[in-house]
């Protein structure tokens, strides 16, 4: 941000980070666009465990199964994250329905609204 470069930040953001994000965006005069990738909790839970099956973990220990209710509780803060007034919500429950071109068109639209 200090160099005034465009950038993308990818993270498991939560609303508790909003004050820090606001402080940085105001300090460096940045505009933000939040692209919120989302899926049904059932789908996200299955994908989480599928990823873990292929992850050996630390010293060969595989991550353990997490019950659905615990998964929902543990990921709620990420699912509820919102920042700024430019939000693009993408439902990834069915990857076949996700349009990367559509997402980019929305990002470009928001950029044009800011830059004129």
PDB file of N, CA and C in Angstrom:
ATOM      1  N   UNK A   1       0.819  -1.182   0.000  1.00  0.00           N
ATOM      2  CA  UNK A   1       0.000   0.000   0.000  1.00  0.00           C
ATOM      3  C   UNK A   1       0.869   1.254   0.000  1.00  0.00           C
ATOM      4  N   UNK A   2       1.967   1.174   0.685  1.00  0.00           N
ATOM      5  CA  UNK A   2       2.858   2.335   0.780  1.00  0.00           C
ATOM      6  C   UNK A   2       3.364   2.750  -0.594  1.00  0.00           C
ATOM      7  N   UNK A   3       3.522   1.794  -1.509  1.00  0.00           N
ATOM      8  CA  UNK A   3       4.014   2.090  -2.854  1.00  0.00           C
ATOM      9  C   UNK A   3       2.898   2.483  -3.819  1.00  0.00           C
ATOM     10  N   UNK A   4       1.664   2.518  -3.327  1.00  0.00           N
ATOM     11  CA  UNK A   4       0.483   2.884  -4.140  1.00  0.00           C
ATOM     12  C   UNK A   4       0.216   1.911  -5.281  1.00  0.00           C
ATOM     13  N   UNK A   5       0.641   0.676  -5.140  1.00  0.00           N
ATOM     14  CA  UNK A   5       0.398  -0.336  -6.167  1.00  0.00           C
ATOM     15  C   UNK A   5      -0.967  -0.974  -5.947  1.00  0.00           C
ATOM     16  N   UNK A   6      -1.580  -1.408  -7.054  1.00  0.00           N
ATOM     17  CA  UNK A   6      -2.788  -2.205  -6.946  1.00  0.00           C
ATOM     18  C   UNK A   6      -2.401  -3.570  -6.394  1.00  0.00           C
ATOM     19  N   UNK A   7      -3.240  -4.158  -5.580  1.00  0.00           N
ATOM     20  CA  UNK A   7      -2.933  -5.496  -5.088  1.00  0.00           C
ATOM     21  C   UNK A   7      -4.193  -6.220  -4.678  1.00  0.00           C
ATOM     22  N   UNK A   8      -4.046  -7.528  -4.547  1.00  0.00           N
ATOM     23  CA  UNK A   8      -5.124  -8.402  -4.101  1.00  0.00           C
ATOM     24  C   UNK A   8      -4.667  -9.049  -2.804  1.00  0.00           C
ATOM     25  N   UNK A   9      -5.516  -8.981  -1.796  1.00  0.00           N
ATOM     26  CA  UNK A   9      -5.228  -9.636  -0.524  1.00  0.00           C
ATOM     27  C   UNK A   9      -6.207 -10.786  -0.368  1.00  0.00           C
ATOM     28  N   UNK A  10      -5.685 -11.981  -0.213  1.00  0.00           N
ATOM     29  CA  UNK A  10      -6.531 -13.171  -0.049  1.00  0.00           C
ATOM     30  C   UNK A  10      -6.260 -13.716   1.341  1.00  0.00           C
ATOM     31  N   UNK A  11      -7.341 -13.880   2.112  1.00  0.00           N
ATOM     32  CA  UNK A  11      -7.178 -14.333   3.485  1.00  0.00           C
ATOM     33  C   UNK A  11      -8.535 -14.770   4.004  1.00  0.00           C
ATOM     34  N   UNK A  12      -8.550 -15.399   5.132  1.00  0.00           N
ATOM     35  CA  UNK A  12      -9.798 -15.726   5.804  1.00  0.00           C
ATOM     36  C   UNK A  12     -10.173 -14.527   6.675  1.00  0.00           C
ATOM     37  N   UNK A  13     -10.678 -13.480   6.030  1.00  0.00           N
ATOM     38  CA  UNK A  13     -11.000 -12.251   6.732  1.00  0.00           C
ATOM     39  C   UNK A  13     -12.206 -12.421   7.648  1.00  0.00           C
ATOM     40  N   UNK A  14     -12.223 -11.643   8.735  1.00  0.00           N
ATOM     41  CA  UNK A  14     -13.370 -11.579   9.636  1.00  0.00           C
ATOM     42  C   UNK A  14     -13.688 -10.114   9.896  1.00  0.00           C
ATOM     43  N   UNK A  15     -14.910  -9.841  10.336  1.00  0.00           N
ATOM     44  CA  UNK A  15     -15.316  -8.464  10.600  1.00  0.00           C
ATOM     45  C   UNK A  15     -14.500  -7.807  11.703  1.00  0.00           C
ATOM     46  N   UNK A  16     -13.831  -8.588  12.550  1.00  0.00           N
ATOM     47  CA  UNK A  16     -12.983  -8.005  13.595  1.00  0.00           C
ATOM     48  C   UNK A  16     -11.787  -7.275  12.994  1.00  0.00           C
ATOM     49  N   UNK A  17     -11.499  -7.507  11.727  1.00  0.00           N
ATOM     50  CA  UNK A  17     -10.380  -6.854  11.042  1.00  0.00           C
ATOM     51  C   UNK A  17     -10.778  -5.536  10.388  1.00  0.00           C
ATOM     52  N   UNK A  18     -12.064  -5.207  10.404  1.00  0.00           N
ATOM     53  CA  UNK A  18     -12.546  -4.024   9.687  1.00  0.00           C
ATOM     54  C   UNK A  18     -11.859  -2.738  10.127  1.00  0.00           C
ATOM     55  N   UNK A  19     -11.628  -2.552  11.425  1.00  0.00           N
ATOM     56  CA  UNK A  19     -10.980  -1.323  11.888  1.00  0.00           C
ATOM     57  C   UNK A  19      -9.564  -1.199  11.336  1.00  0.00           C
ATOM     58  N   UNK A  20      -8.824  -2.314  11.319  1.00  0.00           N
ATOM     59  CA  UNK A  20      -7.460  -2.288  10.776  1.00  0.00           C
ATOM     60  C   UNK A  20      -7.467  -2.018   9.278  1.00  0.00           C
ATOM     61  N   UNK A  21      -8.391  -2.643   8.574  1.00  0.00           N
ATOM     62  CA  UNK A  21      -8.489  -2.414   7.129  1.00  0.00           C
ATOM     63  C   UNK A  21      -8.844  -0.953   6.868  1.00  0.00           C
ATOM     64  N   UNK A  22      -9.787  -0.428   7.624  1.00  0.00           N
ATOM     65  CA  UNK A  22     -10.194   0.978   7.462  1.00  0.00           C
ATOM     66  C   UNK A  22      -9.015   1.912   7.719  1.00  0.00           C
ATOM     67  N   UNK A  23      -8.269   1.657   8.777  1.00  0.00           N
ATOM     68  CA  UNK A  23      -7.109   2.491   9.105  1.00  0.00           C
ATOM     69  C   UNK A  23      -6.101   2.508   7.954  1.00  0.00           C
ATOM     70  N   UNK A  24      -5.810   1.339   7.406  1.00  0.00           N
ATOM     71  CA  UNK A  24      -4.837   1.253   6.308  1.00  0.00           C
ATOM     72  C   UNK A  24      -5.371   1.889   5.021  1.00  0.00           C
ATOM     73  N   UNK A  25      -6.633   1.623   4.712  1.00  0.00           N
ATOM     74  CA  UNK A  25      -7.171   2.182   3.463  1.00  0.00           C
ATOM     75  C   UNK A  25      -7.287   3.704   3.545  1.00  0.00           C
ATOM     76  N   UNK A  26      -7.580   4.222   4.711  1.00  0.00           N
ATOM     77  CA  UNK A  26      -7.624   5.679   4.856  1.00  0.00           C
ATOM     78  C   UNK A  26      -6.226   6.278   4.828  1.00  0.00           C
ATOM     79  N   UNK A  27      -5.290   5.645   5.498  1.00  0.00           N
ATOM     80  CA  UNK A  27      -3.908   6.150   5.540  1.00  0.00           C
ATOM     81  C   UNK A  27      -3.305   6.213   4.141  1.00  0.00           C
ATOM     82  N   UNK A  28      -3.519   5.159   3.347  1.00  0.00           N
ATOM     83  CA  UNK A  28      -2.905   5.090   2.024  1.00  0.00           C
ATOM     84  C   UNK A  28      -3.874   5.454   0.893  1.00  0.00           C
ATOM     85  N   UNK A  29      -5.079   5.910   1.272  1.00  0.00           N
ATOM     86  CA  UNK A  29      -6.088   6.379   0.326  1.00  0.00           C
ATOM     87  C   UNK A  29      -6.425   5.328  -0.726  1.00  0.00           C
ATOM     88  N   UNK A  30      -6.761   4.159  -0.236  1.00  0.00           N
ATOM     89  CA  UNK A  30      -7.118   3.035  -1.102  1.00  0.00           C
ATOM     90  C   UNK A  30      -8.622   2.872  -1.167  1.00  0.00           C
ATOM     91  N   UNK A  31      -9.100   2.438  -2.300  1.00  0.00           N
ATOM     92  CA  UNK A  31     -10.473   1.988  -2.465  1.00  0.00           C
ATOM     93  C   UNK A  31     -10.443   0.469  -2.404  1.00  0.00           C
ATOM     94  N   UNK A  32     -11.496  -0.129  -1.888  1.00  0.00           N
ATOM     95  CA  UNK A  32     -11.524  -1.583  -1.765  1.00  0.00           C
ATOM     96  C   UNK A  32     -12.691  -2.174  -2.530  1.00  0.00           C
ATOM     97  N   UNK A  33     -12.471  -3.372  -2.992  1.00  0.00           N
ATOM     98  CA  UNK A  33     -13.522  -4.199  -3.568  1.00  0.00           C
ATOM     99  C   UNK A  33     -13.415  -5.543  -2.865  1.00  0.00           C
ATOM    100  N   UNK A  34     -14.491  -5.975  -2.248  1.00  0.00           N
ATOM    101  CA  UNK A  34     -14.503  -7.279  -1.601  1.00  0.00           C
ATOM    102  C   UNK A  34     -15.170  -8.270  -2.538  1.00  0.00           C
ATOM    103  N   UNK A  35     -14.419  -9.306  -2.922  1.00  0.00           N
ATOM    104  CA  UNK A  35     -14.984 -10.415  -3.685  1.00  0.00           C
ATOM    105  C   UNK A  35     -15.142 -11.534  -2.673  1.00  0.00           C
ATOM    106  N   UNK A  36     -16.382 -11.772  -2.295  1.00  0.00           N
ATOM    107  CA  UNK A  36     -16.674 -12.747  -1.242  1.00  0.00           C
ATOM    108  C   UNK A  36     -17.060 -14.083  -1.876  1.00  0.00           C
ATOM    109  N   UNK A  37     -16.130 -15.033  -1.828  1.00  0.00           N
ATOM    110  CA  UNK A  37     -16.389 -16.379  -2.334  1.00  0.00           C
ATOM    111  C   UNK A  37     -17.115 -17.158  -1.248  1.00  0.00           C
ATOM    112  N   UNK A  38     -18.248 -17.721  -1.592  1.00  0.00           N
ATOM    113  CA  UNK A  38     -19.085 -18.371  -0.610  1.00  0.00           C
ATOM    114  C   UNK A  38     -19.625 -19.680  -1.178  1.00  0.00           C
ATOM    115  N   UNK A  39     -20.072 -20.536  -0.304  1.00  0.00           N
ATOM    116  CA  UNK A  39     -20.704 -21.803  -0.701  1.00  0.00           C
ATOM    117  C   UNK A  39     -21.625 -22.212   0.431  1.00  0.00           C
ATOM    118  N   UNK A  40     -22.510 -23.135   0.142  1.00  0.00           N
ATOM    119  CA  UNK A  40     -23.341 -23.652   1.223  1.00  0.00           C
ATOM    120  C   UNK A  40     -22.419 -24.266   2.272  1.00  0.00           C
ATOM    121  N   UNK A  41     -22.855 -24.231   3.510  1.00  0.00           N
ATOM    122  CA  UNK A  41     -22.021 -24.783   4.577  1.00  0.00           C
ATOM    123  C   UNK A  41     -21.784 -26.272   4.369  1.00  0.00           C
ATOM    124  N   UNK A  42     -22.778 -26.969   3.857  1.00  0.00           N
ATOM    125  CA  UNK A  42     -22.618 -28.402   3.603  1.00  0.00           C
ATOM    126  C   UNK A  42     -21.513 -28.642   2.573  1.00  0.00           C
ATOM    127  N   UNK A  43     -21.546 -27.868   1.500  1.00  0.00           N
ATOM    128  CA  UNK A  43     -20.531 -28.006   0.447  1.00  0.00           C
ATOM    129  C   UNK A  43     -19.153 -27.622   0.977  1.00  0.00           C
ATOM    130  N   UNK A  44     -19.075 -26.533   1.717  1.00  0.00           N
ATOM    131  CA  UNK A  44     -17.789 -26.092   2.276  1.00  0.00           C
ATOM    132  C   UNK A  44     -17.214 -27.143   3.222  1.00  0.00           C
ATOM    133  N   UNK A  45     -18.066 -27.768   4.009  1.00  0.00           N
ATOM    134  CA  UNK A  45     -17.626 -28.799   4.953  1.00  0.00           C
ATOM    135  C   UNK A  45     -17.046 -29.995   4.204  1.00  0.00           C
ATOM    136  N   UNK A  46     -17.727 -30.442   3.159  1.00  0.00           N
ATOM    137  CA  UNK A  46     -17.234 -31.562   2.359  1.00  0.00           C
ATOM    138  C   UNK A  46     -15.899 -31.193   1.710  1.00  0.00           C
ATOM    139  N   UNK A  47     -15.804 -30.003   1.126  1.00  0.00           N
ATOM    140  CA  UNK A  47     -14.554 -29.574   0.473  1.00  0.00           C
ATOM    141  C   UNK A  47     -13.410 -29.481   1.476  1.00  0.00           C
ATOM    142  N   UNK A  48     -13.696 -28.996   2.672  1.00  0.00           N
ATOM    143  CA  UNK A  48     -12.688 -28.905   3.726  1.00  0.00           C
ATOM    144  C   UNK A  48     -12.088 -30.279   4.009  1.00  0.00           C
ATOM    145  N   UNK A  49     -12.949 -31.282   4.158  1.00  0.00           N
ATOM    146  CA  UNK A  49     -12.460 -32.627   4.454  1.00  0.00           C
ATOM    147  C   UNK A  49     -11.774 -33.260   3.246  1.00  0.00           C
ATOM    148  N   UNK A  50     -12.232 -32.960   2.050  1.00  0.00           N
ATOM    149  CA  UNK A  50     -11.558 -33.474   0.846  1.00  0.00           C
ATOM    150  C   UNK A  50     -10.134 -32.928   0.752  1.00  0.00           C
ATOM    151  N   UNK A  51      -9.966 -31.634   1.035  1.00  0.00           N
ATOM    152  CA  UNK A  51      -8.615 -31.044   1.024  1.00  0.00           C
ATOM    153  C   UNK A  51      -7.738 -31.693   2.073  1.00  0.00           C
ATOM    154  N   UNK A  52      -8.297 -31.949   3.249  1.00  0.00           N
ATOM    155  CA  UNK A  52      -7.512 -32.527   4.332  1.00  0.00           C
ATOM    156  C   UNK A  52      -7.094 -33.966   4.062  1.00  0.00           C
ATOM    157  N   UNK A  53      -7.863 -34.696   3.258  1.00  0.00           N
ATOM    158  CA  UNK A  53      -7.495 -36.070   2.924  1.00  0.00           C
ATOM    159  C   UNK A  53      -6.155 -36.113   2.196  1.00  0.00           C
ATOM    160  N   UNK A  54      -5.868 -35.078   1.421  1.00  0.00           N
ATOM    161  CA  UNK A  54      -4.631 -35.025   0.644  1.00  0.00           C
ATOM    162  C   UNK A  54      -3.528 -34.250   1.346  1.00  0.00           C
ATOM    163  N   UNK A  55      -3.767 -33.831   2.584  1.00  0.00           N
ATOM    164  CA  UNK A  55      -2.789 -33.060   3.340  1.00  0.00           C
ATOM    165  C   UNK A  55      -2.253 -33.934   4.464  1.00  0.00           C
ATOM    166  N   UNK A  56      -0.992 -34.311   4.399  1.00  0.00           N
ATOM    167  CA  UNK A  56      -0.457 -35.200   5.426  1.00  0.00           C
ATOM    168  C   UNK A  56      -0.337 -34.536   6.798  1.00  0.00           C
ATOM    169  N   UNK A  57      -0.395 -33.220   6.864  1.00  0.00           N
ATOM    170  CA  UNK A  57      -0.289 -32.528   8.146  1.00  0.00           C
ATOM    171  C   UNK A  57       1.141 -32.509   8.642  1.00  0.00           C
ATOM    172  N   UNK A  58       1.306 -32.123   9.872  1.00  0.00           N
ATOM    173  CA  UNK A  58       2.640 -32.017  10.481  1.00  0.00           C
ATOM    174  C   UNK A  58       3.117 -33.406  10.875  1.00  0.00           C
ATOM    175  N   UNK A  59       4.328 -33.727  10.464  1.00  0.00           N
ATOM    176  CA  UNK A  59       4.970 -35.001  10.791  1.00  0.00           C
ATOM    177  C   UNK A  59       4.071 -36.194  10.504  1.00  0.00           C
ATOM    178  N   UNK A  60       3.380 -36.145   9.365  1.00  0.00           N
ATOM    179  CA  UNK A  60       2.588 -37.278   8.927  1.00  0.00           C
ATOM    180  C   UNK A  60       1.241 -37.438   9.605  1.00  0.00           C
ATOM    181  N   UNK A  61       0.873 -36.524  10.487  1.00  0.00           N
ATOM    182  CA  UNK A  61      -0.422 -36.622  11.174  1.00  0.00           C
ATOM    183  C   UNK A  61      -1.488 -35.928  10.336  1.00  0.00           C
ATOM    184  N   UNK A  62      -2.492 -36.676   9.936  1.00  0.00           N
ATOM    185  CA  UNK A  62      -3.590 -36.096   9.151  1.00  0.00           C
ATOM    186  C   UNK A  62      -4.513 -35.299  10.066  1.00  0.00           C
ATOM    187  N   UNK A  63      -5.011 -34.164   9.549  1.00  0.00           N
ATOM    188  CA  UNK A  63      -6.004 -33.421  10.341  1.00  0.00           C
ATOM    189  C   UNK A  63      -7.223 -34.299  10.591  1.00  0.00           C
ATOM    190  N   UNK A  64      -7.806 -34.164  11.770  1.00  0.00           N
ATOM    191  CA  UNK A  64      -8.956 -35.007  12.117  1.00  0.00           C
ATOM    192  C   UNK A  64     -10.246 -34.440  11.525  1.00  0.00           C
ATOM    193  N   UNK A  65     -11.227 -35.309  11.449  1.00  0.00           N
ATOM    194  CA  UNK A  65     -12.553 -34.903  10.973  1.00  0.00           C
ATOM    195  C   UNK A  65     -13.164 -33.918  11.959  1.00  0.00           C
ATOM    196  N   UNK A  66     -13.816 -32.906  11.430  1.00  0.00           N
ATOM    197  CA  UNK A  66     -14.498 -31.920  12.264  1.00  0.00           C
ATOM    198  C   UNK A  66     -15.994 -32.067  12.035  1.00  0.00           C
ATOM    199  N   UNK A  67     -16.760 -32.273  13.111  1.00  0.00           N
ATOM    200  CA  UNK A  67     -18.209 -32.396  12.955  1.00  0.00           C
ATOM    201  C   UNK A  67     -18.793 -31.136  12.307  1.00  0.00           C
ATOM    202  N   UNK A  68     -19.882 -31.313  11.575  1.00  0.00           N
ATOM    203  CA  UNK A  68     -20.507 -30.219  10.829  1.00  0.00           C
ATOM    204  C   UNK A  68     -20.808 -29.016  11.719  1.00  0.00           C
ATOM    205  N   UNK A  69     -21.410 -29.215  12.879  1.00  0.00           N
ATOM    206  CA  UNK A  69     -21.782 -28.111  13.759  1.00  0.00           C
ATOM    207  C   UNK A  69     -20.557 -27.321  14.206  1.00  0.00           C
ATOM    208  N   UNK A  70     -19.471 -28.014  14.483  1.00  0.00           N
ATOM    209  CA  UNK A  70     -18.234 -27.352  14.894  1.00  0.00           C
ATOM    210  C   UNK A  70     -17.643 -26.578  13.715  1.00  0.00           C
ATOM    211  N   UNK A  71     -17.713 -27.134  12.523  1.00  0.00           N
ATOM    212  CA  UNK A  71     -17.232 -26.459  11.321  1.00  0.00           C
ATOM    213  C   UNK A  71     -18.018 -25.164  11.091  1.00  0.00           C
ATOM    214  N   UNK A  72     -19.335 -25.240  11.191  1.00  0.00           N
ATOM    215  CA  UNK A  72     -20.194 -24.060  11.000  1.00  0.00           C
ATOM    216  C   UNK A  72     -19.824 -22.989  12.014  1.00  0.00           C
ATOM    217  N   UNK A  73     -19.699 -23.368  13.264  1.00  0.00           N
ATOM    218  CA  UNK A  73     -19.359 -22.421  14.324  1.00  0.00           C
ATOM    219  C   UNK A  73     -17.982 -21.799  14.095  1.00  0.00           C
ATOM    220  N   UNK A  74     -17.028 -22.607  13.683  1.00  0.00           N
ATOM    221  CA  UNK A  74     -15.656 -22.133  13.500  1.00  0.00           C
ATOM    222  C   UNK A  74     -15.439 -21.276  12.271  1.00  0.00           C
ATOM    223  N   UNK A  75     -16.330 -21.373  11.307  1.00  0.00           N
ATOM    224  CA  UNK A  75     -16.152 -20.606  10.067  1.00  0.00           C
ATOM    225  C   UNK A  75     -17.151 -19.464   9.921  1.00  0.00           C
ATOM    226  N   UNK A  76     -18.059 -19.311  10.863  1.00  0.00           N
ATOM    227  CA  UNK A  76     -19.111 -18.280  10.768  1.00  0.00           C
ATOM    228  C   UNK A  76     -18.525 -16.885  10.580  1.00  0.00           C
ATOM    229  N   UNK A  77     -17.441 -16.549  11.305  1.00  0.00           N
ATOM    230  CA  UNK A  77     -16.857 -15.212  11.197  1.00  0.00           C
ATOM    231  C   UNK A  77     -16.355 -14.928   9.784  1.00  0.00           C
ATOM    232  N   UNK A  78     -15.812 -15.943   9.120  1.00  0.00           N
ATOM    233  CA  UNK A  78     -15.344 -15.758   7.746  1.00  0.00           C
ATOM    234  C   UNK A  78     -16.518 -15.603   6.794  1.00  0.00           C
ATOM    235  N   UNK A  79     -17.540 -16.406   6.998  1.00  0.00           N
ATOM    236  CA  UNK A  79     -18.708 -16.389   6.117  1.00  0.00           C
ATOM    237  C   UNK A  79     -19.433 -15.054   6.196  1.00  0.00           C
ATOM    238  N   UNK A  80     -19.420 -14.432   7.361  1.00  0.00           N
ATOM    239  CA  UNK A  80     -20.134 -13.175   7.562  1.00  0.00           C
ATOM    240  C   UNK A  80     -19.313 -11.937   7.207  1.00  0.00           C
ATOM    241  N   UNK A  81     -18.052 -12.096   6.793  1.00  0.00           N
ATOM    242  CA  UNK A  81     -17.192 -10.931   6.532  1.00  0.00           C
ATOM    243  C   UNK A  81     -17.746 -10.052   5.423  1.00  0.00           C
ATOM    244  N   UNK A  82     -17.771  -8.762   5.699  1.00  0.00           N
ATOM    245  CA  UNK A  82     -18.123  -7.749   4.708  1.00  0.00           C
ATOM    246  C   UNK A  82     -17.266  -6.522   4.984  1.00  0.00           C
ATOM    247  N   UNK A  83     -16.766  -5.888   3.948  1.00  0.00           N
ATOM    248  CA  UNK A  83     -16.037  -4.638   4.137  1.00  0.00           C
ATOM    249  C   UNK A  83     -16.300  -3.724   2.951  1.00  0.00           C
ATOM    250  N   UNK A  84     -16.522  -2.489   3.241  1.00  0.00           N
ATOM    251  CA  UNK A  84     -16.686  -1.477   2.211  1.00  0.00           C
ATOM    252  C   UNK A  84     -18.038  -1.547   1.530  1.00  0.00           C
ATOM    253  N   UNK A  85     -18.212  -0.673   0.540  1.00  0.00           N
ATOM    254  CA  UNK A  85     -19.502  -0.613  -0.147  1.00  0.00           C
ATOM    255  C   UNK A  85     -19.447  -1.221  -1.546  1.00  0.00           C
ATOM    256  N   UNK A  86     -18.342  -1.846  -1.886  1.00  0.00           N
ATOM    257  CA  UNK A  86     -18.218  -2.539  -3.171  1.00  0.00           C
ATOM    258  C   UNK A  86     -18.021  -4.019  -2.898  1.00  0.00           C
ATOM    259  N   UNK A  87     -19.117  -4.737  -2.924  1.00  0.00           N
ATOM    260  CA  UNK A  87     -19.103  -6.157  -2.597  1.00  0.00           C
ATOM    261  C   UNK A  87     -19.575  -6.967  -3.794  1.00  0.00           C
ATOM    262  N   UNK A  88     -18.779  -7.951  -4.141  1.00  0.00           N
ATOM    263  CA  UNK A  88     -19.154  -8.902  -5.185  1.00  0.00           C
ATOM    264  C   UNK A  88     -19.285 -10.249  -4.490  1.00  0.00           C
ATOM    265  N   UNK A  89     -20.483 -10.782  -4.474  1.00  0.00           N
ATOM    266  CA  UNK A  89     -20.729 -12.066  -3.831  1.00  0.00           C
ATOM    267  C   UNK A  89     -20.718 -13.150  -4.905  1.00  0.00           C
ATOM    268  N   UNK A  90     -19.909 -14.182  -4.693  1.00  0.00           N
ATOM    269  CA  UNK A  90     -19.803 -15.277  -5.652  1.00  0.00           C
ATOM    270  C   UNK A  90     -20.167 -16.574  -4.945  1.00  0.00           C
ATOM    271  N   UNK A  91     -21.236 -17.207  -5.389  1.00  0.00           N
ATOM    272  CA  UNK A  91     -21.642 -18.492  -4.826  1.00  0.00           C
ATOM    273  C   UNK A  91     -20.878 -19.589  -5.552  1.00  0.00           C
ATOM    274  N   UNK A  92     -19.999 -20.262  -4.834  1.00  0.00           N
ATOM    275  CA  UNK A  92     -19.167 -21.318  -5.429  1.00  0.00           C
ATOM    276  C   UNK A  92     -19.688 -22.717  -5.106  1.00  0.00           C
ATOM    277  N   UNK A  93     -20.930 -22.805  -4.625  1.00  0.00           N
ATOM    278  CA  UNK A  93     -21.486 -24.117  -4.317  1.00  0.00           C
ATOM    279  C   UNK A  93     -21.384 -25.023  -5.537  1.00  0.00           C
ATOM    280  N   UNK A  94     -21.673 -24.473  -6.717  1.00  0.00           N
ATOM    281  CA  UNK A  94     -21.529 -25.195  -7.987  1.00  0.00           C
ATOM    282  C   UNK A  94     -20.492 -24.459  -8.825  1.00  0.00           C
ATOM    283  N   UNK A  95     -19.265 -24.978  -8.837  1.00  0.00           N
ATOM    284  CA  UNK A  95     -18.184 -24.310  -9.571  1.00  0.00           C
ATOM    285  C   UNK A  95     -18.523 -24.091 -11.040  1.00  0.00           C
ATOM    286  N   UNK A  96     -19.320 -24.971 -11.615  1.00  0.00           N
ATOM    287  CA  UNK A  96     -19.668 -24.850 -13.028  1.00  0.00           C
ATOM    288  C   UNK A  96     -20.459 -23.577 -13.312  1.00  0.00           C
ATOM    289  N   UNK A  97     -21.113 -23.038 -12.297  1.00  0.00           N
ATOM    290  CA  UNK A  97     -21.912 -21.827 -12.506  1.00  0.00           C
ATOM    291  C   UNK A  97     -21.123 -20.543 -12.249  1.00  0.00           C
ATOM    292  N   UNK A  98     -19.879 -20.659 -11.803  1.00  0.00           N
ATOM    293  CA  UNK A  98     -19.061 -19.478 -11.523  1.00  0.00           C
ATOM    294  C   UNK A  98     -18.476 -18.949 -12.827  1.00  0.00           C
ATOM    295  N   UNK A  99     -18.674 -17.665 -13.051  1.00  0.00           N
ATOM    296  CA  UNK A  99     -18.160 -17.022 -14.257  1.00  0.00           C
ATOM    297  C   UNK A  99     -17.015 -16.085 -13.886  1.00  0.00           C
ATOM    298  N   UNK A 100     -15.797 -16.502 -14.185  1.00  0.00           N
ATOM    299  CA  UNK A 100     -14.642 -15.640 -13.917  1.00  0.00           C
ATOM    300  C   UNK A 100     -14.751 -14.347 -14.718  1.00  0.00           C
ATOM    301  N   UNK A 101     -15.246 -14.456 -15.940  1.00  0.00           N
ATOM    302  CA  UNK A 101     -15.420 -13.263 -16.772  1.00  0.00           C
ATOM    303  C   UNK A 101     -16.436 -12.320 -16.138  1.00  0.00           C
ATOM    304  N   UNK A 102     -17.491 -12.880 -15.577  1.00  0.00           N
ATOM    305  CA  UNK A 102     -18.505 -12.071 -14.904  1.00  0.00           C
ATOM    306  C   UNK A 102     -17.948 -11.364 -13.673  1.00  0.00           C
ATOM    307  N   UNK A 103     -17.130 -12.069 -12.916  1.00  0.00           N
ATOM    308  CA  UNK A 103     -16.504 -11.472 -11.732  1.00  0.00           C
ATOM    309  C   UNK A 103     -15.588 -10.331 -12.162  1.00  0.00           C
ATOM    310  N   UNK A 104     -14.771 -10.573 -13.181  1.00  0.00           N
ATOM    311  CA  UNK A 104     -13.857  -9.528 -13.667  1.00  0.00           C
ATOM    312  C   UNK A 104     -14.621  -8.327 -14.206  1.00  0.00           C
ATOM    313  N   UNK A 105     -15.735  -8.550 -14.859  1.00  0.00           N
ATOM    314  CA  UNK A 105     -16.545  -7.442 -15.371  1.00  0.00           C
ATOM    315  C   UNK A 105     -17.053  -6.583 -14.206  1.00  0.00           C
ATOM    316  N   UNK A 106     -17.455  -7.228 -13.124  1.00  0.00           N
ATOM    317  CA  UNK A 106     -17.917  -6.478 -11.958  1.00  0.00           C
ATOM    318  C   UNK A 106     -16.776  -5.701 -11.304  1.00  0.00           C
ATOM    319  N   UNK A 107     -15.587  -6.325 -11.225  1.00  0.00           N
ATOM    320  CA  UNK A 107     -14.417  -5.636 -10.662  1.00  0.00           C
ATOM    321  C   UNK A 107     -14.096  -4.415 -11.515  1.00  0.00           C
ATOM    322  N   UNK A 108     -14.056  -4.589 -12.835  1.00  0.00           N
ATOM    323  CA  UNK A 108     -13.759  -3.466 -13.732  1.00  0.00           C
ATOM    324  C   UNK A 108     -14.794  -2.357 -13.583  1.00  0.00           C
ATOM    325  N   UNK A 109     -16.054  -2.728 -13.428  1.00  0.00           N
ATOM    326  CA  UNK A 109     -17.122  -1.739 -13.244  1.00  0.00           C
ATOM    327  C   UNK A 109     -16.865  -0.904 -11.990  1.00  0.00           C
ATOM    328  N   UNK A 110     -16.519  -1.567 -10.891  1.00  0.00           N
ATOM    329  CA  UNK A 110     -16.238  -0.856  -9.648  1.00  0.00           C
ATOM    330  C   UNK A 110     -15.019   0.040  -9.792  1.00  0.00           C
ATOM    331  N   UNK A 111     -13.997  -0.441 -10.480  1.00  0.00           N
ATOM    332  CA  UNK A 111     -12.784   0.378 -10.687  1.00  0.00           C
ATOM    333  C   UNK A 111     -13.139   1.631 -11.492  1.00  0.00           C
ATOM    334  N   UNK A 112     -13.935   1.488 -12.533  1.00  0.00           N
ATOM    335  CA  UNK A 112     -14.340   2.640 -13.340  1.00  0.00           C
ATOM    336  C   UNK A 112     -15.171   3.631 -12.524  1.00  0.00           C
ATOM    337  N   UNK A 113     -15.991   3.136 -11.614  1.00  0.00           N
ATOM    338  CA  UNK A 113     -16.778   4.037 -10.757  1.00  0.00           C
ATOM    339  C   UNK A 113     -15.853   4.913  -9.896  1.00  0.00           C
ATOM    340  N   UNK A 114     -14.714   4.369  -9.489  1.00  0.00           N
ATOM    341  CA  UNK A 114     -13.792   5.103  -8.638  1.00  0.00           C
ATOM    342  C   UNK A 114     -12.874   6.012  -9.443  1.00  0.00           C
ATOM    343  N   UNK A 115     -12.394   5.499 -10.574  1.00  0.00           N
ATOM    344  CA  UNK A 115     -11.390   6.251 -11.331  1.00  0.00           C
ATOM    345  C   UNK A 115     -11.995   7.159 -12.405  1.00  0.00           C
ATOM    346  N   UNK A 116     -13.248   6.912 -12.737  1.00  0.00           N
ATOM    347  CA  UNK A 116     -13.911   7.734 -13.740  1.00  0.00           C
ATOM    348  C   UNK A 116     -13.579   7.284 -15.068  1.00  0.00           C
TER     349      UNK A 116
END
